[in-house]
Protein backbone atom coordinates (compact mmCIF):
# COMPACT_ATOMS: atom_id res chain seq x y z
CA MET A 1 -5.55 12.92 -20.74
CA ALA A 2 -3.96 12.63 -23.70
CA SER A 3 -0.79 14.81 -22.22
CA ASP A 4 0.55 12.04 -19.69
CA PHE A 5 1.63 9.41 -22.01
CA VAL A 6 3.47 6.33 -20.67
CA LEU A 7 4.16 3.14 -21.91
CA THR A 8 0.86 0.49 -22.23
CA HIS A 9 0.69 -2.93 -22.53
CA GLY A 10 -2.18 -1.87 -25.16
CA ASP A 11 -4.57 -5.83 -24.53
CA PHE A 12 -4.33 -5.52 -20.29
CA ARG A 13 -7.16 -7.77 -19.08
CA PRO A 14 -7.13 -10.59 -16.46
CA ALA A 15 -6.57 -13.35 -19.58
CA ASN A 16 -2.93 -11.70 -19.42
CA LEU A 17 -1.75 -12.01 -16.18
CA LEU A 18 -0.01 -14.93 -14.39
CA VAL A 19 -1.06 -15.15 -11.27
CA GLU A 20 0.07 -17.03 -7.92
CA GLY A 21 -2.08 -16.94 -5.13
CA GLU A 22 -2.85 -13.73 -4.52
CA ARG A 23 0.27 -12.06 -6.19
CA VAL A 24 1.10 -11.26 -10.32
CA THR A 25 4.53 -13.01 -11.57
CA GLY A 26 4.12 -12.16 -14.94
CA ILE A 27 2.09 -10.02 -17.75
CA LEU A 28 1.96 -11.92 -21.31
CA ASP A 29 1.05 -10.59 -24.91
CA TRP A 30 3.08 -7.77 -25.43
CA GLU A 31 2.90 -7.26 -29.18
CA PHE A 32 0.06 -4.46 -29.05
CA VAL A 33 2.52 -2.58 -26.49
CA LEU A 34 2.04 1.55 -27.24
CA SER A 35 2.69 4.88 -26.27
CA ALA A 36 -0.62 6.16 -24.78
CA PRO A 37 -2.37 7.86 -22.01
CA ARG A 38 -2.20 6.03 -19.07
CA TYR A 39 -5.62 5.67 -18.94
CA PHE A 40 -5.82 3.21 -21.98
CA ASP A 41 -5.18 0.34 -20.43
CA MET A 42 -7.29 1.62 -17.57
CA GLY A 43 -10.48 1.16 -19.67
CA GLN A 44 -9.91 -2.11 -20.76
CA TRP A 45 -8.95 -3.10 -17.41
CA VAL A 46 -12.65 -1.89 -15.68
CA ARG A 47 -14.33 -3.20 -19.12
CA GLU A 48 -15.69 -6.37 -17.83
CA ASP A 49 -18.08 -5.39 -14.99
CA GLU A 50 -19.15 -8.93 -13.91
CA TRP A 51 -15.48 -9.26 -11.79
CA MET A 52 -14.79 -5.63 -11.31
CA ASN A 53 -16.61 -4.70 -8.20
CA GLU A 54 -15.53 -1.75 -6.13
CA ALA A 55 -13.01 -3.96 -3.78
CA SER A 56 -11.20 -4.81 -6.75
CA LYS A 57 -11.20 -1.31 -8.09
CA THR A 58 -10.01 -0.14 -4.54
CA ALA A 59 -7.13 -2.58 -4.88
CA PHE A 60 -6.30 -1.70 -8.69
CA VAL A 61 -6.00 1.89 -7.36
CA GLN A 62 -4.12 1.22 -4.24
CA GLY A 63 -1.66 -1.13 -6.55
CA TYR A 64 -1.06 1.18 -9.21
CA GLN A 65 -0.49 4.36 -7.42
CA GLU A 66 1.81 2.62 -4.54
CA MET A 67 3.75 1.04 -8.15
CA SER A 68 3.74 4.10 -10.23
CA GLY A 69 4.18 6.62 -7.61
CA VAL A 70 1.24 8.82 -8.98
CA GLU A 71 -2.03 9.41 -7.75
CA LEU A 72 -5.42 8.75 -9.17
CA PRO A 73 -7.48 11.57 -10.08
CA ALA A 74 -11.13 10.87 -8.26
CA GLU A 75 -12.86 10.82 -11.78
CA TRP A 76 -9.95 7.89 -13.14
CA GLU A 77 -12.46 5.59 -13.70
CA ARG A 78 -14.94 7.97 -15.98
CA LEU A 79 -11.25 9.17 -17.91
CA ALA A 80 -10.42 5.38 -18.22
CA ARG A 81 -14.23 4.63 -19.45
CA LEU A 82 -14.14 7.75 -22.01
CA MET A 83 -10.55 5.97 -23.58
CA ASP A 84 -11.69 2.48 -23.95
CA ILE A 85 -14.92 3.38 -25.54
CA ALA A 86 -12.55 5.14 -28.39
CA THR A 87 -10.53 2.16 -28.50
CA MET A 88 -13.50 -0.02 -29.35
CA MET A 89 -15.10 2.33 -31.72
CA SER A 90 -11.25 2.00 -34.06
CA PHE A 91 -12.44 -1.49 -33.74
CA LEU A 92 -15.75 -1.45 -35.47
CA ASP A 93 -13.59 0.68 -38.53
CA ARG A 94 -12.04 -2.55 -39.57
CA CYS A 95 -14.29 -3.90 -42.17
CA GLU A 96 -17.48 -3.33 -43.67
CA LYS A 97 -19.75 -6.66 -42.17
CA THR A 98 -20.68 -6.51 -38.48
CA THR A 99 -19.58 -9.27 -37.04
CA GLU A 100 -20.14 -11.19 -33.38
CA LEU A 101 -17.76 -9.23 -32.20
CA ASP A 102 -18.76 -5.89 -33.60
CA GLN A 103 -21.87 -5.98 -31.95
CA SER A 104 -20.10 -6.82 -28.25
CA MET A 105 -17.99 -3.97 -28.70
CA ILE A 106 -21.29 -1.66 -29.73
CA GLU A 107 -22.72 -3.30 -26.59
CA ARG A 108 -19.88 -2.36 -24.15
CA ILE A 109 -20.38 1.25 -25.88
CA LYS A 110 -23.31 1.60 -25.03
CA SER A 111 -22.46 0.45 -21.52
CA ASN A 112 -19.49 2.54 -20.81
CA SER A 113 -21.56 5.04 -22.58
CA LEU A 114 -23.90 5.29 -19.49
CA PHE A 115 -21.05 5.20 -16.31
CA VAL A 116 -19.29 8.04 -18.13
CA LYS A 117 -23.28 9.98 -18.22
CA ARG A 118 -23.48 9.01 -14.44
């Protein structure tokens, strides 16, 4: 997973997309761009379970594979969620006091961990 580094957005989520109808017309907030494993952005993309249903996942995979020319492995979501666990854990080390954001990250880490264990 770590050997396949690509240009990643760093904050890839629906709030940073401009959409017209069913077409993405732009991507905002590039200040966190970095070179990272391809699963880095995918992890954040699937983090929000309430809107990421099976149809959305299928469309995401089809679009990703079509645009990148890379076929994702069957376990792509598991790899993405593992990457996202590491990303969220890095946020928890930024201050000594536990904040509301920290609590939210801890709950998401637990949720991702349960998915990965399946």
